[in-house]
Amino acid sequence: MKRTSLASLILFCLMIISSSYSSAEINFDPKLKINSSKDYSKEIFSKDYNAALKMHKKIAGSFIGASIDFQVGYGTTSANVSEKSTSNTVNTESKGGFQFGALLNLNLFNILNFTTGLDFTKKNFGITVPYANPLTTGDSLVQDLNNSYLNIPLNINYSTMVSDKVGISFTGGPYFGILLNAENAVSGFKDFDFGLNGTLTGKYYLNPFVAVILGTKAQYGGLNNLLSSSSVEKLSTVNWGGFTGISVGF
């Protein structure tokens, strides 16, 4: 009888231990399981991607996705002339001039990157125009044009980061230019310029809000024909330049 009671007691203890072990196994924290069947790779990838995207936006766009590029540089201008008569040859000479500007880069509704602002450009070139009256002393008028334009670009902007501190952007589109020194222009020269422009800019970020910039740009002016006279049928300009400066995000 005593042996039966002892065996029953031992069996009862073993059942309690087994039950406790099973309960502990069921309630065991799955995070500590070595052989967990759940795949966390998608969650980890999504977390890393969102963190990288957040950092990219912080560097490239600052708080509200806007920045101002302060530029200073130098460029050369050449003029393309179409004469009214093949007997009256109009010659031009390329010249250089300084340029500077402040361009505002905006992100519109997370859909479109837009660039506008003020761009001051010296478009200097020499032009030799034959006299219309053959009785006039001399056979041509030689004049150096030191034209100063205030341009307003309306550009689309595409930018990307090539590393954690280096970015690159391209802007392009039309611009409207106002001739600031119209009194110095030859007779018939228009005081308004409509053209196309493109800019390639590299940026080195000192911090998420400030970057040193270096770039090049080109402008094709005179889509509205800058000059029409007795000898010139059409005149357009091409300006190439390089610049440096600083970009400030806010």
Protein backbone atom coordinates (compact mmCIF):
# COMPACT_ATOMS: atom_id res chain seq x y z
CA MET A 1 0.00 0.00 0.00
CA LYS A 2 2.80 2.33 0.86
CA ARG A 3 4.56 1.51 -2.38
CA THR A 4 1.36 2.31 -4.32
CA SER A 5 0.96 5.68 -2.56
CA LEU A 6 4.61 6.54 -3.19
CA ALA A 7 4.30 5.66 -6.89
CA SER A 8 1.14 7.76 -7.17
CA LEU A 9 2.89 10.70 -5.51
CA ILE A 10 5.88 10.44 -7.85
CA LEU A 11 3.59 10.19 -10.88
CA PHE A 12 1.60 13.23 -9.70
CA CYS A 13 4.81 15.31 -9.32
CA LEU A 14 6.00 14.32 -12.76
CA MET A 15 2.66 15.43 -14.26
CA ILE A 16 2.93 18.85 -12.55
CA ILE A 17 6.51 19.33 -13.79
CA SER A 18 5.52 18.31 -17.33
CA SER A 19 2.54 20.67 -17.31
CA SER A 20 4.67 23.58 -16.05
CA TYR A 21 7.29 22.94 -18.73
CA SER A 22 4.66 22.85 -21.49
CA SER A 23 3.09 26.08 -20.26
CA ALA A 24 6.47 27.80 -20.16
CA GLU A 25 7.22 26.64 -23.67
CA ILE A 26 3.93 27.98 -24.96
CA ASN A 27 4.36 31.38 -23.30
CA PHE A 28 8.04 31.65 -24.18
CA ASP A 29 8.92 34.98 -25.81
CA PRO A 30 9.18 34.27 -29.56
CA LYS A 31 11.86 36.94 -29.87
CA LEU A 32 14.21 34.68 -27.91
CA LYS A 33 13.49 31.60 -29.97
CA ILE A 34 16.38 30.40 -32.08
CA ASN A 35 14.22 28.49 -34.53
CA SER A 36 11.47 31.12 -35.03
CA SER A 37 9.48 30.49 -38.19
CA LYS A 38 8.58 34.18 -38.81
CA ASP A 39 10.57 36.09 -41.49
CA TYR A 40 11.53 39.60 -40.37
CA SER A 41 13.53 40.50 -43.52
CA LYS A 42 10.73 42.65 -45.01
CA GLU A 43 10.33 44.66 -41.81
CA ILE A 44 14.09 45.23 -41.57
CA PHE A 45 14.31 46.31 -45.24
CA SER A 46 11.38 48.69 -44.86
CA LYS A 47 12.88 50.25 -41.73
CA ASP A 48 16.28 50.76 -43.39
CA TYR A 49 14.69 52.17 -46.55
CA ASN A 50 12.57 54.68 -44.64
CA ALA A 51 15.59 55.78 -42.61
CA ALA A 52 17.66 56.31 -45.78
CA LEU A 53 14.80 58.19 -47.46
CA LYS A 54 14.37 60.44 -44.43
CA MET A 55 18.08 61.26 -44.41
CA HIS A 56 18.07 61.98 -48.15
CA LYS A 57 15.17 64.40 -47.80
CA LYS A 58 16.85 66.04 -44.84
CA ILE A 59 20.05 66.63 -46.79
CA ALA A 60 18.60 67.50 -50.19
CA GLY A 61 15.53 69.44 -49.18
CA SER A 62 15.94 70.60 -45.59
CA PHE A 63 12.73 71.27 -43.66
CA ILE A 64 10.28 72.42 -46.34
CA GLY A 65 12.10 71.21 -49.44
CA ALA A 66 13.51 74.61 -50.44
CA SER A 67 16.97 76.08 -50.91
CA ILE A 68 18.62 79.19 -52.35
CA ASP A 69 21.74 78.98 -54.54
CA PHE A 70 23.92 82.10 -54.35
CA GLN A 71 26.11 82.09 -57.48
CA VAL A 72 29.02 84.15 -58.77
CA GLY A 73 30.86 83.36 -61.99
CA TYR A 74 32.17 84.37 -65.39
CA GLY A 75 30.95 83.66 -68.91
CA THR A 76 31.52 84.46 -72.58
CA THR A 77 28.93 85.53 -75.12
CA SER A 78 28.91 85.00 -78.88
CA ALA A 79 26.35 86.45 -81.29
CA ASN A 80 24.80 84.72 -84.29
CA VAL A 81 23.76 87.14 -87.02
CA SER A 82 21.70 86.69 -90.16
CA GLU A 83 22.30 89.48 -92.71
CA LYS A 84 19.62 90.89 -94.98
CA SER A 85 22.03 91.08 -97.88
CA THR A 86 25.04 88.91 -98.69
CA SER A 87 26.90 92.04 -99.78
CA ASN A 88 26.67 93.49 -96.26
CA THR A 89 28.66 91.18 -94.00
CA VAL A 90 28.10 91.61 -90.27
CA ASN A 91 30.96 90.40 -88.10
CA THR A 92 30.81 89.65 -84.38
CA GLU A 93 33.42 89.04 -81.68
CA SER A 94 32.92 87.06 -78.47
CA LYS A 95 33.66 88.77 -75.15
CA GLY A 96 33.43 87.86 -71.50
CA GLY A 97 31.65 89.23 -68.46
CA PHE A 98 30.79 88.51 -64.85
CA GLN A 99 27.51 87.00 -63.73
CA PHE A 100 25.86 86.37 -60.39
CA GLY A 101 22.45 85.41 -59.10
CA ALA A 102 20.21 84.02 -56.38
CA LEU A 103 18.09 81.07 -57.49
CA LEU A 104 15.26 79.58 -55.42
CA ASN A 105 14.71 75.80 -55.61
CA LEU A 106 11.25 74.63 -54.54
CA ASN A 107 9.59 71.25 -54.20
CA LEU A 108 5.92 71.62 -55.17
CA PHE A 109 3.60 69.11 -53.48
CA ASN A 110 6.32 66.40 -53.60
CA ILE A 111 5.64 66.15 -57.34
CA LEU A 112 7.65 68.83 -59.12
CA ASN A 113 10.99 70.51 -58.40
CA PHE A 114 10.91 74.10 -59.65
CA THR A 115 13.66 76.75 -59.89
CA THR A 116 13.28 80.50 -60.31
CA GLY A 117 14.94 83.66 -59.05
CA LEU A 118 17.12 86.49 -60.34
CA ASP A 119 20.14 85.96 -62.59
CA PHE A 120 22.33 88.94 -63.49
CA THR A 121 24.37 88.23 -66.64
CA LYS A 122 26.79 90.36 -68.63
CA LYS A 123 26.42 89.51 -72.32
CA ASN A 124 29.29 91.39 -73.95
CA PHE A 125 30.22 91.03 -77.59
CA GLY A 126 31.54 93.12 -80.45
CA ILE A 127 29.58 93.76 -83.65
CA THR A 128 30.57 95.32 -86.96
CA VAL A 129 27.55 96.58 -88.92
CA PRO A 130 27.96 98.05 -92.47
CA TYR A 131 26.56 101.52 -93.02
CA ALA A 132 23.28 101.56 -94.90
CA ASN A 133 24.21 104.78 -96.76
CA PRO A 134 27.20 104.20 -99.08
CA LEU A 135 27.92 107.96 -99.17
CA THR A 136 28.67 107.95 -95.45
CA THR A 137 32.35 108.20 -94.60
CA GLY A 138 33.66 104.75 -93.80
CA ASP A 139 32.03 101.46 -94.65
CA SER A 140 31.02 100.04 -91.28
CA LEU A 141 30.17 100.76 -87.66
CA VAL A 142 32.23 98.92 -85.06
CA GLN A 143 30.73 98.79 -81.59
CA ASP A 144 31.34 96.82 -78.41
CA LEU A 145 28.11 95.95 -76.65
CA ASN A 146 28.34 95.65 -72.89
CA ASN A 147 24.84 94.39 -72.25
CA SER A 148 23.65 93.78 -68.70
CA TYR A 149 20.62 91.51 -68.37
CA LEU A 150 18.47 90.66 -65.39
CA ASN A 151 17.05 87.22 -66.16
CA ILE A 152 14.15 85.42 -64.51
CA PRO A 153 14.36 81.65 -65.17
CA LEU A 154 11.37 79.32 -65.02
CA ASN A 155 13.08 75.96 -64.79
CA ILE A 156 12.33 72.35 -63.97
CA ASN A 157 14.83 70.92 -61.51
CA TYR A 158 16.05 67.33 -61.22
CA SER A 159 18.43 66.51 -58.36
CA THR A 160 19.87 63.41 -56.71
CA MET A 161 22.48 62.42 -54.12
CA VAL A 162 25.50 60.47 -55.36
CA SER A 163 26.86 59.97 -51.84
CA ASP A 164 26.03 61.01 -48.29
CA LYS A 165 27.59 64.47 -48.85
CA VAL A 166 27.67 65.01 -52.62
CA GLY A 167 24.64 65.89 -54.74
CA ILE A 168 24.10 66.86 -58.35
CA SER A 169 21.25 68.71 -60.03
CA PHE A 170 20.18 69.85 -63.49
CA THR A 171 17.77 72.68 -64.19
CA GLY A 172 16.43 73.73 -67.55
CA GLY A 173 13.67 75.75 -69.17
CA PRO A 174 12.83 79.20 -70.54
CA TYR A 175 13.89 82.55 -69.13
CA PHE A 176 12.84 86.18 -69.51
CA GLY A 177 15.57 88.83 -69.64
CA ILE A 178 15.41 92.59 -69.18
CA LEU A 179 18.18 94.74 -70.70
CA LEU A 180 19.30 97.07 -67.91
CA ASN A 181 21.41 99.45 -70.05
CA ALA A 182 19.24 99.87 -73.12
CA GLU A 183 20.75 103.32 -73.82
CA ASN A 184 24.08 101.67 -74.75
CA ALA A 185 22.62 99.33 -77.37
CA VAL A 186 22.82 99.91 -81.11
CA SER A 187 19.78 101.26 -82.90
CA GLY A 188 17.06 98.63 -83.17
CA PHE A 189 18.42 96.44 -80.36
CA LYS A 190 15.55 95.14 -78.21
CA ASP A 191 15.49 95.66 -74.46
CA PHE A 192 13.74 92.34 -73.81
CA ASP A 193 15.23 88.87 -74.28
CA PHE A 194 13.41 85.55 -74.34
CA GLY A 195 15.48 82.37 -74.45
CA LEU A 196 16.33 78.93 -73.08
CA ASN A 197 18.81 78.02 -70.35
CA GLY A 198 20.29 74.98 -68.66
CA THR A 199 22.42 74.61 -65.53
CA LEU A 200 24.41 71.67 -64.14
CA THR A 201 25.34 72.04 -60.46
CA GLY A 202 27.39 69.93 -58.09
CA LYS A 203 26.91 70.34 -54.33
CA TYR A 204 29.12 69.35 -51.42
CA TYR A 205 27.11 69.43 -48.19
CA LEU A 206 28.91 70.83 -45.16
CA ASN A 207 25.82 69.96 -43.12
CA PRO A 208 22.17 69.18 -43.97
CA PHE A 209 21.45 72.87 -44.58
CA VAL A 210 24.57 74.37 -46.23
CA ALA A 211 26.47 73.24 -49.32
CA VAL A 212 29.32 74.55 -51.46
CA ILE A 213 28.30 74.62 -55.14
CA LEU A 214 30.22 74.44 -58.41
CA GLY A 215 28.62 74.36 -61.82
CA THR A 216 28.28 75.42 -65.42
CA LYS A 217 25.41 76.93 -67.37
CA ALA A 218 24.39 77.93 -70.87
CA GLN A 219 21.85 80.39 -72.25
CA TYR A 220 20.51 80.66 -75.76
CA GLY A 221 18.97 84.10 -76.11
CA GLY A 222 17.12 85.91 -78.81
CA LEU A 223 14.21 83.63 -79.60
CA ASN A 224 12.33 86.90 -80.01
CA ASN A 225 15.06 88.29 -82.35
CA LEU A 226 17.22 90.80 -80.47
CA LEU A 227 18.14 93.04 -83.41
CA SER A 228 16.48 94.05 -86.64
CA SER A 229 18.03 96.81 -88.75
CA SER A 230 18.78 97.77 -92.35
CA SER A 231 21.67 95.27 -92.42
CA VAL A 232 20.68 92.67 -89.80
CA GLU A 233 17.69 90.42 -90.21
CA LYS A 234 18.10 88.41 -87.02
CA LEU A 235 20.44 88.24 -84.01
CA SER A 236 20.66 85.65 -81.24
CA THR A 237 23.23 85.01 -78.51
CA VAL A 238 24.88 82.03 -76.85
CA ASN A 239 26.36 82.46 -73.38
CA TRP A 240 28.53 79.85 -71.63
CA GLY A 241 29.72 80.26 -68.08
CA GLY A 242 31.00 78.67 -64.91
CA PHE A 243 30.17 79.58 -61.33
CA THR A 244 30.68 78.77 -57.70
CA GLY A 245 28.90 79.80 -54.54
CA ILE A 246 26.89 78.48 -51.64
CA SER A 247 23.48 76.82 -51.25
CA VAL A 248 21.38 77.37 -48.14
CA GLY A 249 18.41 75.14 -47.31
CA PHE A 250 15.48 76.06 -45.09
